[in-house]
Each structure stands twice: as C-alpha cells, then as structure tokens.
C-alpha cells in the first residue's frame, strides 16, 4: 500500500499542474455560477458606479413573506460618491440608482423595496462617516419603467 502513495501523489500533481485554467477564467466561471443562483444583475452595473463616481458598493438582500406577500428589501450601499450631481442632487442620484438597478436585476419582482444608502467616510478618520438613505417601492419603479417603454 505504501508503494501506491507516491504514484497517487504523482498522478494528482500532474493533473493539477496540467490544468489550463488561469485566474481570470476561474473568476469568470465563479461569477457566472453566482449570477445563475442570485440572478442576473445582482451585482450593480458599472453604470450605477459611474453615476455617482462611487468607490465601492455592497448589496444586501432580505426576504420575508408575511401573509403570503413578499416583504423583501434590497439594500445598495454606495461608498464615497464624488460626482458633482451627488453634491447638488443626492435624491435624484438615489432615484436613478434604484431605477438602473431595477432595470438590470432579473429577480427584482421578488422584492418590495429598494433602499439606497450613501456612505461618505472621512479620508482622515475612517471612524467619521455620514449616511443618507432613500427608500423606493419596487412596484413604483417597475410602473415608471413600463410607462416609459410604452411612450406614456
């Protein structure tokens, strides 16, 4: 039995060493699998990130059913927006982010609300931060999209 251990080790090392997968291909494969589970568009688009010139984004979802009705919430947390529009019309940026996300996310109808949270951190002291939150009903976003598509 001990003679077979080096042979198994050699076979396993040859198999792993001959793998033609590079890091980029593996990441693409993992993202594809994640998209199939979470839904297309779960990760916010680059368009949303560019809208406010945000540094990063987090997505948190909660799903509850009360009396057979979905009470799910999507929380987009957008960090350190730098665009001029963020300074002058933060509410409009929040609305546009919610609309863009609802257009791109394939499972949006499973949720009741989208909460857009802007977080600005102090570059000198990360413990200092400001938070602004805006909440939108998914049905209102979908109604707006449908009326725009129908030319109303």
N, C-alpha and C. Protein backbone atom coordinates (compact mmCIF):
# COMPACT_ATOMS: atom_id res chain seq x y z
N UNK A 1 0.82 -1.19 0.00
CA UNK A 1 0.00 0.00 0.00
C UNK A 1 0.86 1.25 0.00
N UNK A 2 1.97 1.24 0.72
CA UNK A 2 2.83 2.41 0.79
C UNK A 2 3.47 2.71 -0.55
N UNK A 3 3.63 1.72 -1.39
CA UNK A 3 4.23 1.95 -2.72
C UNK A 3 3.28 2.74 -3.60
N UNK A 4 1.96 2.64 -3.38
CA UNK A 4 0.99 3.33 -4.22
C UNK A 4 0.85 4.80 -3.86
N UNK A 5 1.18 5.21 -2.66
CA UNK A 5 1.05 6.61 -2.24
C UNK A 5 1.88 7.53 -3.13
N UNK A 6 3.17 7.22 -3.42
CA UNK A 6 3.91 8.11 -4.31
C UNK A 6 3.31 8.16 -5.72
N UNK A 7 2.75 7.06 -6.18
CA UNK A 7 2.14 7.04 -7.51
C UNK A 7 0.90 7.94 -7.51
N UNK A 8 0.04 7.84 -6.48
CA UNK A 8 -1.13 8.71 -6.40
C UNK A 8 -0.72 10.17 -6.32
N UNK A 9 0.30 10.44 -5.55
CA UNK A 9 0.79 11.83 -5.43
C UNK A 9 1.26 12.35 -6.77
N UNK A 10 1.97 11.53 -7.53
CA UNK A 10 2.47 11.92 -8.84
C UNK A 10 1.31 12.18 -9.81
N UNK A 11 0.31 11.31 -9.81
CA UNK A 11 -0.83 11.47 -10.70
C UNK A 11 -1.60 12.75 -10.35
N UNK A 12 -1.83 12.99 -9.09
CA UNK A 12 -2.56 14.19 -8.66
C UNK A 12 -1.78 15.45 -9.00
N UNK A 13 -0.47 15.44 -8.78
CA UNK A 13 0.32 16.64 -9.08
C UNK A 13 0.38 16.89 -10.59
N UNK A 14 0.45 15.83 -11.41
CA UNK A 14 0.43 16.02 -12.86
C UNK A 14 -0.92 16.58 -13.31
N UNK A 15 -2.00 16.08 -12.71
CA UNK A 15 -3.33 16.56 -13.09
C UNK A 15 -3.49 18.03 -12.73
N UNK A 16 -3.13 18.40 -11.51
CA UNK A 16 -3.27 19.80 -11.09
C UNK A 16 -2.30 20.71 -11.83
N UNK A 17 -1.10 20.22 -12.11
CA UNK A 17 -0.11 21.02 -12.81
C UNK A 17 -0.46 21.25 -14.27
N UNK A 18 -1.23 20.35 -14.85
CA UNK A 18 -1.56 20.49 -16.26
C UNK A 18 -2.87 21.25 -16.48
N UNK A 19 -3.49 21.72 -15.42
CA UNK A 19 -4.74 22.47 -15.55
C UNK A 19 -4.48 23.75 -16.33
N UNK A 20 -5.25 23.95 -17.38
CA UNK A 20 -5.05 25.11 -18.26
C UNK A 20 -5.85 26.32 -17.79
N UNK A 21 -6.45 26.25 -16.63
CA UNK A 21 -7.28 27.37 -16.15
C UNK A 21 -6.39 28.49 -15.61
N UNK A 22 -6.65 29.70 -16.08
CA UNK A 22 -5.96 30.84 -15.49
C UNK A 22 -6.92 31.50 -14.49
N UNK A 23 -6.42 32.42 -13.72
CA UNK A 23 -7.22 33.08 -12.69
C UNK A 23 -8.42 33.80 -13.24
N UNK A 24 -8.26 34.47 -14.36
CA UNK A 24 -9.36 35.23 -14.94
C UNK A 24 -10.51 34.32 -15.37
N UNK A 25 -10.17 33.19 -15.97
CA UNK A 25 -11.20 32.25 -16.40
C UNK A 25 -11.94 31.67 -15.20
N UNK A 26 -11.21 31.39 -14.13
CA UNK A 26 -11.83 30.86 -12.92
C UNK A 26 -12.78 31.88 -12.30
N UNK A 27 -12.38 33.15 -12.25
CA UNK A 27 -13.24 34.20 -11.69
C UNK A 27 -14.49 34.37 -12.54
N UNK A 28 -14.34 34.37 -13.86
CA UNK A 28 -15.50 34.47 -14.75
C UNK A 28 -16.46 33.32 -14.52
N UNK A 29 -15.92 32.13 -14.34
CA UNK A 29 -16.75 30.96 -14.09
C UNK A 29 -17.49 31.06 -12.77
N UNK A 30 -16.81 31.54 -11.74
CA UNK A 30 -17.46 31.71 -10.45
C UNK A 30 -18.55 32.78 -10.52
N UNK A 31 -18.29 33.89 -11.23
CA UNK A 31 -19.29 34.95 -11.37
C UNK A 31 -20.50 34.45 -12.16
N UNK A 32 -20.26 33.64 -13.18
CA UNK A 32 -21.36 33.07 -13.96
C UNK A 32 -22.24 32.21 -13.06
N UNK A 33 -21.62 31.36 -12.26
CA UNK A 33 -22.36 30.50 -11.35
C UNK A 33 -23.13 31.30 -10.30
N UNK A 34 -22.50 32.35 -9.79
CA UNK A 34 -23.16 33.21 -8.81
C UNK A 34 -24.36 33.91 -9.44
N UNK A 35 -24.22 34.38 -10.67
CA UNK A 35 -25.32 35.05 -11.38
C UNK A 35 -26.49 34.10 -11.58
N UNK A 36 -26.21 32.83 -11.83
CA UNK A 36 -27.28 31.86 -12.01
C UNK A 36 -28.05 31.63 -10.70
N UNK A 37 -27.35 31.69 -9.59
CA UNK A 37 -28.00 31.48 -8.29
C UNK A 37 -28.72 32.74 -7.83
N UNK A 38 -28.03 33.89 -7.82
CA UNK A 38 -28.58 35.14 -7.28
C UNK A 38 -29.46 35.87 -8.29
N UNK A 39 -29.23 35.64 -9.57
CA UNK A 39 -29.99 36.33 -10.61
C UNK A 39 -29.09 37.29 -11.38
N UNK A 40 -29.38 37.44 -12.66
CA UNK A 40 -28.61 38.36 -13.50
C UNK A 40 -28.79 39.78 -12.97
N UNK A 41 -27.71 40.51 -12.90
CA UNK A 41 -27.77 41.90 -12.47
C UNK A 41 -27.74 42.10 -10.97
N UNK A 42 -27.50 41.04 -10.20
CA UNK A 42 -27.42 41.17 -8.73
C UNK A 42 -26.29 42.13 -8.36
N UNK A 43 -25.15 41.97 -8.99
CA UNK A 43 -24.04 42.89 -8.78
C UNK A 43 -24.34 44.15 -9.58
N UNK A 44 -24.35 45.33 -8.94
CA UNK A 44 -24.69 46.56 -9.65
C UNK A 44 -23.78 46.82 -10.85
N UNK A 45 -24.36 47.40 -11.88
CA UNK A 45 -23.64 47.65 -13.12
C UNK A 45 -22.62 48.77 -12.95
N UNK A 46 -21.70 48.83 -13.89
CA UNK A 46 -20.72 49.91 -13.93
C UNK A 46 -21.39 51.26 -14.12
N UNK A 47 -22.56 51.25 -14.76
CA UNK A 47 -23.30 52.49 -14.98
C UNK A 47 -23.73 53.11 -13.65
N UNK A 48 -24.15 52.28 -12.71
CA UNK A 48 -24.52 52.77 -11.38
C UNK A 48 -23.29 53.33 -10.68
N UNK A 49 -22.19 52.61 -10.77
CA UNK A 49 -20.96 53.06 -10.12
C UNK A 49 -20.49 54.39 -10.70
N UNK A 50 -20.62 54.56 -12.01
CA UNK A 50 -20.17 55.79 -12.67
C UNK A 50 -21.11 56.96 -12.38
N UNK A 51 -22.37 56.67 -12.12
CA UNK A 51 -23.36 57.71 -11.89
C UNK A 51 -22.93 58.66 -10.77
N UNK A 52 -22.45 58.11 -9.69
CA UNK A 52 -22.01 58.93 -8.57
C UNK A 52 -20.52 58.91 -8.36
N UNK A 53 -19.80 58.28 -9.29
CA UNK A 53 -18.36 58.09 -9.15
C UNK A 53 -18.03 57.46 -7.79
N UNK A 54 -18.74 56.35 -7.52
CA UNK A 54 -18.58 55.67 -6.24
C UNK A 54 -17.31 54.83 -6.23
N UNK A 55 -16.74 54.69 -5.03
CA UNK A 55 -15.53 53.87 -4.87
C UNK A 55 -15.87 52.38 -4.79
N UNK A 56 -16.96 52.06 -4.09
CA UNK A 56 -17.33 50.65 -3.93
C UNK A 56 -18.82 50.54 -3.64
N UNK A 57 -19.31 49.31 -3.68
CA UNK A 57 -20.72 49.04 -3.45
C UNK A 57 -20.87 47.72 -2.70
N UNK A 58 -21.90 47.65 -1.88
CA UNK A 58 -22.30 46.41 -1.23
C UNK A 58 -23.77 46.19 -1.51
N UNK A 59 -24.16 44.93 -1.66
CA UNK A 59 -25.57 44.59 -1.85
C UNK A 59 -25.97 43.65 -0.73
N UNK A 60 -27.03 44.02 -0.04
CA UNK A 60 -27.60 43.16 1.00
C UNK A 60 -29.07 42.94 0.66
N UNK A 61 -29.52 41.71 0.74
CA UNK A 61 -30.93 41.42 0.48
C UNK A 61 -31.52 40.68 1.67
N UNK A 62 -32.77 41.00 1.96
CA UNK A 62 -33.53 40.27 2.96
C UNK A 62 -34.85 39.89 2.31
N UNK A 63 -35.33 38.72 2.65
CA UNK A 63 -36.57 38.23 2.05
C UNK A 63 -37.45 37.66 3.15
N UNK A 64 -38.63 38.26 3.32
CA UNK A 64 -39.62 37.78 4.27
C UNK A 64 -40.95 37.68 3.55
N UNK A 65 -41.75 36.74 3.99
CA UNK A 65 -43.11 36.61 3.47
C UNK A 65 -44.07 36.74 4.65
N UNK A 66 -44.94 37.73 4.57
CA UNK A 66 -45.95 37.94 5.60
C UNK A 66 -47.31 37.82 4.93
N UNK A 67 -48.10 36.87 5.42
CA UNK A 67 -49.41 36.59 4.83
C UNK A 67 -49.31 36.30 3.34
N UNK A 68 -48.27 35.59 2.93
CA UNK A 68 -48.08 35.20 1.54
C UNK A 68 -47.57 36.31 0.64
N UNK A 69 -47.29 37.48 1.20
CA UNK A 69 -46.81 38.61 0.39
C UNK A 69 -45.34 38.88 0.70
N UNK A 70 -44.55 39.10 -0.34
CA UNK A 70 -43.13 39.37 -0.18
C UNK A 70 -42.91 40.72 0.48
N UNK A 71 -42.07 40.73 1.47
CA UNK A 71 -41.67 41.97 2.15
C UNK A 71 -40.16 42.18 1.98
N UNK A 72 -39.60 41.61 0.93
CA UNK A 72 -38.16 41.64 0.72
C UNK A 72 -37.62 43.03 0.45
N UNK A 73 -36.38 43.24 0.87
CA UNK A 73 -35.71 44.52 0.69
C UNK A 73 -34.33 44.30 0.10
N UNK A 74 -33.98 45.14 -0.86
CA UNK A 74 -32.63 45.18 -1.41
C UNK A 74 -31.99 46.44 -0.88
N UNK A 75 -30.82 46.32 -0.30
CA UNK A 75 -30.10 47.47 0.24
C UNK A 75 -28.80 47.63 -0.55
N UNK A 76 -28.74 48.68 -1.36
CA UNK A 76 -27.49 49.02 -2.06
C UNK A 76 -26.76 50.05 -1.23
N UNK A 77 -25.55 49.73 -0.83
CA UNK A 77 -24.72 50.66 -0.06
C UNK A 77 -23.60 51.13 -0.98
N UNK A 78 -23.65 52.41 -1.30
CA UNK A 78 -22.70 53.01 -2.22
C UNK A 78 -21.77 53.92 -1.43
N UNK A 79 -20.46 53.71 -1.61
CA UNK A 79 -19.48 54.39 -0.78
C UNK A 79 -18.74 55.50 -1.52
N UNK A 80 -18.62 56.62 -0.85
CA UNK A 80 -17.76 57.75 -1.25
C UNK A 80 -18.00 58.23 -2.68
N UNK A 81 -19.22 58.68 -2.94
CA UNK A 81 -19.54 59.27 -4.23
C UNK A 81 -18.86 60.61 -4.40
N UNK A 82 -18.32 60.83 -5.58
CA UNK A 82 -17.55 62.05 -5.82
C UNK A 82 -18.11 62.94 -6.93
N UNK A 83 -19.18 62.54 -7.58
CA UNK A 83 -19.69 63.32 -8.72
C UNK A 83 -20.32 64.62 -8.23
N UNK A 84 -20.36 65.60 -9.12
CA UNK A 84 -20.98 66.89 -8.80
C UNK A 84 -22.47 66.70 -8.51
N UNK A 85 -23.10 65.81 -9.25
CA UNK A 85 -24.53 65.56 -9.04
C UNK A 85 -24.81 65.04 -7.63
N UNK A 86 -23.87 64.29 -7.06
CA UNK A 86 -24.03 63.80 -5.68
C UNK A 86 -24.08 64.98 -4.71
N UNK A 87 -23.29 65.99 -4.95
CA UNK A 87 -23.27 67.16 -4.05
C UNK A 87 -24.53 68.00 -4.18
N UNK A 88 -25.09 68.10 -5.40
CA UNK A 88 -26.19 69.04 -5.64
C UNK A 88 -27.57 68.40 -5.62
N UNK A 89 -27.65 67.13 -5.95
CA UNK A 89 -28.96 66.49 -6.06
C UNK A 89 -28.88 65.01 -5.68
N UNK A 90 -28.55 64.76 -4.44
CA UNK A 90 -28.37 63.39 -3.96
C UNK A 90 -29.63 62.55 -4.13
N UNK A 91 -30.80 63.15 -3.92
CA UNK A 91 -32.06 62.41 -4.08
C UNK A 91 -32.25 61.92 -5.51
N UNK A 92 -31.89 62.74 -6.49
CA UNK A 92 -32.02 62.32 -7.88
C UNK A 92 -31.06 61.19 -8.21
N UNK A 93 -29.86 61.25 -7.66
CA UNK A 93 -28.89 60.17 -7.88
C UNK A 93 -29.43 58.87 -7.28
N UNK A 94 -30.02 58.96 -6.09
CA UNK A 94 -30.58 57.77 -5.44
C UNK A 94 -31.68 57.17 -6.30
N UNK A 95 -32.56 58.01 -6.83
CA UNK A 95 -33.66 57.53 -7.68
C UNK A 95 -33.12 56.86 -8.95
N UNK A 96 -32.11 57.50 -9.57
CA UNK A 96 -31.53 56.93 -10.79
C UNK A 96 -30.86 55.60 -10.50
N UNK A 97 -30.16 55.51 -9.36
CA UNK A 97 -29.52 54.24 -8.98
C UNK A 97 -30.57 53.15 -8.80
N UNK A 98 -31.67 53.47 -8.13
CA UNK A 98 -32.74 52.49 -7.92
C UNK A 98 -33.36 52.07 -9.24
N UNK A 99 -33.58 53.02 -10.14
CA UNK A 99 -34.16 52.69 -11.45
C UNK A 99 -33.22 51.80 -12.27
N UNK A 100 -31.94 52.16 -12.30
CA UNK A 100 -30.97 51.36 -13.07
C UNK A 100 -30.86 49.95 -12.50
N UNK A 101 -30.83 49.85 -11.18
CA UNK A 101 -30.71 48.52 -10.57
C UNK A 101 -31.94 47.68 -10.87
N UNK A 102 -33.12 48.31 -10.79
CA UNK A 102 -34.35 47.55 -11.04
C UNK A 102 -34.46 47.13 -12.51
N UNK A 103 -33.87 47.89 -13.41
CA UNK A 103 -33.87 47.51 -14.82
C UNK A 103 -32.94 46.33 -15.08
N UNK A 104 -31.83 46.26 -14.34
CA UNK A 104 -30.83 45.25 -14.61
C UNK A 104 -30.96 43.96 -13.84
N UNK A 105 -31.67 43.98 -12.70
CA UNK A 105 -31.75 42.79 -11.85
C UNK A 105 -32.93 41.92 -12.26
N UNK A 106 -32.64 40.69 -12.63
CA UNK A 106 -33.66 39.79 -13.17
C UNK A 106 -34.69 39.33 -12.14
N UNK A 107 -34.36 39.38 -10.86
CA UNK A 107 -35.28 38.91 -9.83
C UNK A 107 -35.87 40.06 -9.02
N UNK A 108 -35.93 41.24 -9.61
CA UNK A 108 -36.39 42.43 -8.89
C UNK A 108 -37.83 42.29 -8.41
N UNK A 109 -38.66 41.59 -9.13
CA UNK A 109 -40.07 41.45 -8.77
C UNK A 109 -40.29 40.62 -7.51
N UNK A 110 -39.23 39.95 -7.04
CA UNK A 110 -39.33 39.17 -5.80
C UNK A 110 -39.20 40.06 -4.56
N UNK A 111 -38.97 41.34 -4.73
CA UNK A 111 -38.72 42.26 -3.62
C UNK A 111 -39.73 43.39 -3.61
N UNK A 112 -39.95 43.96 -2.43
CA UNK A 112 -40.92 45.04 -2.27
C UNK A 112 -40.26 46.41 -2.31
N UNK A 113 -39.09 46.55 -1.70
CA UNK A 113 -38.44 47.86 -1.62
C UNK A 113 -36.96 47.78 -1.98
N UNK A 114 -36.45 48.91 -2.44
CA UNK A 114 -35.01 49.09 -2.65
C UNK A 114 -34.59 50.25 -1.77
N UNK A 115 -33.59 50.02 -0.96
CA UNK A 115 -33.05 51.08 -0.12
C UNK A 115 -31.67 51.45 -0.66
N UNK A 116 -31.50 52.70 -1.01
CA UNK A 116 -30.22 53.20 -1.48
C UNK A 116 -29.56 53.92 -0.30
N UNK A 117 -28.38 53.47 0.08
CA UNK A 117 -27.66 54.06 1.20
C UNK A 117 -26.34 54.63 0.69
N UNK A 118 -26.17 55.94 0.88
CA UNK A 118 -24.91 56.58 0.53
C UNK A 118 -24.09 56.73 1.80
N UNK A 119 -22.85 56.28 1.74
CA UNK A 119 -21.96 56.37 2.90
C UNK A 119 -20.72 57.15 2.47
N UNK A 120 -20.49 58.26 3.14
CA UNK A 120 -19.30 59.08 2.89
C UNK A 120 -18.39 58.97 4.11
N UNK A 121 -17.17 58.53 3.90
CA UNK A 121 -16.23 58.41 5.00
C UNK A 121 -15.23 59.55 4.97
N UNK A 122 -14.78 59.93 6.13
CA UNK A 122 -13.77 60.97 6.28
C UNK A 122 -12.42 60.37 5.89
N UNK A 123 -11.73 60.95 4.91
CA UNK A 123 -10.46 60.36 4.48
C UNK A 123 -9.38 60.39 5.55
N UNK A 124 -9.53 61.28 6.54
CA UNK A 124 -8.52 61.37 7.60
C UNK A 124 -8.84 60.49 8.80
N UNK A 125 -10.12 60.18 8.99
CA UNK A 125 -10.52 59.36 10.12
C UNK A 125 -11.70 58.48 9.69
N UNK A 126 -11.44 57.23 9.45
CA UNK A 126 -12.46 56.31 8.95
C UNK A 126 -13.61 56.09 9.93
N UNK A 127 -13.43 56.47 11.18
CA UNK A 127 -14.49 56.33 12.16
C UNK A 127 -15.56 57.40 11.99
N UNK A 128 -15.24 58.47 11.26
CA UNK A 128 -16.21 59.53 10.97
C UNK A 128 -16.85 59.25 9.61
N UNK A 129 -18.16 59.20 9.58
CA UNK A 129 -18.85 58.95 8.32
C UNK A 129 -20.24 59.57 8.37
N UNK A 130 -20.80 59.81 7.20
CA UNK A 130 -22.17 60.32 7.06
C UNK A 130 -22.96 59.32 6.24
N UNK A 131 -24.21 59.11 6.63
CA UNK A 131 -25.08 58.16 5.94
C UNK A 131 -26.36 58.87 5.51
N UNK A 132 -26.74 58.64 4.26
CA UNK A 132 -28.03 59.12 3.73
C UNK A 132 -28.75 57.91 3.16
N UNK A 133 -30.04 57.78 3.48
CA UNK A 133 -30.81 56.64 2.99
C UNK A 133 -32.06 57.11 2.26
N UNK A 134 -32.36 56.41 1.17
CA UNK A 134 -33.55 56.68 0.37
C UNK A 134 -34.20 55.34 0.06
N UNK A 135 -35.52 55.25 0.26
CA UNK A 135 -36.23 54.00 0.04
C UNK A 135 -37.26 54.18 -1.06
N UNK A 136 -37.32 53.20 -1.96
CA UNK A 136 -38.24 53.24 -3.09
C UNK A 136 -39.01 51.93 -3.15
N UNK A 137 -40.26 52.01 -3.53
CA UNK A 137 -41.08 50.83 -3.74
C UNK A 137 -40.76 50.26 -5.12
N UNK A 138 -40.51 48.97 -5.19
CA UNK A 138 -40.19 48.31 -6.45
C UNK A 138 -41.33 48.48 -7.45
N UNK A 139 -42.56 48.33 -6.99
CA UNK A 139 -43.71 48.44 -7.90
C UNK A 139 -43.75 49.81 -8.57
N UNK A 140 -43.36 50.88 -7.85
CA UNK A 140 -43.33 52.22 -8.45
C UNK A 140 -42.25 52.31 -9.52
N UNK A 141 -41.10 51.69 -9.26
CA UNK A 141 -40.01 51.72 -10.24
C UNK A 141 -40.41 50.94 -11.49
N UNK A 142 -41.07 49.81 -11.30
CA UNK A 142 -41.50 49.00 -12.45
C UNK A 142 -42.61 49.69 -13.22
N UNK A 143 -43.52 50.38 -12.54
CA UNK A 143 -44.59 51.13 -13.20
C UNK A 143 -44.00 52.25 -14.03
N UNK A 144 -43.00 52.95 -13.47
CA UNK A 144 -42.33 54.03 -14.21
C UNK A 144 -41.65 53.49 -15.45
N UNK A 145 -40.98 52.35 -15.33
CA UNK A 145 -40.29 51.74 -16.47
C UNK A 145 -41.27 51.33 -17.55
N UNK A 146 -42.39 50.72 -17.14
CA UNK A 146 -43.37 50.27 -18.12
C UNK A 146 -44.01 51.43 -18.86
N UNK A 147 -44.29 52.54 -18.16
CA UNK A 147 -44.91 53.68 -18.83
C UNK A 147 -43.91 54.35 -19.77
N UNK A 148 -42.64 54.36 -19.42
CA UNK A 148 -41.61 54.92 -20.31
C UNK A 148 -41.47 54.05 -21.56
N UNK A 149 -41.53 52.74 -21.40
CA UNK A 149 -41.39 51.82 -22.53
C UNK A 149 -42.59 51.92 -23.47
N UNK A 150 -43.76 52.25 -22.92
CA UNK A 150 -44.97 52.35 -23.74
C UNK A 150 -45.19 53.75 -24.30
N UNK A 151 -44.26 54.66 -24.00
CA UNK A 151 -44.33 56.01 -24.57
C UNK A 151 -45.26 56.94 -23.83
N UNK A 152 -45.63 56.60 -22.60
CA UNK A 152 -46.51 57.48 -21.80
C UNK A 152 -45.72 58.46 -20.99
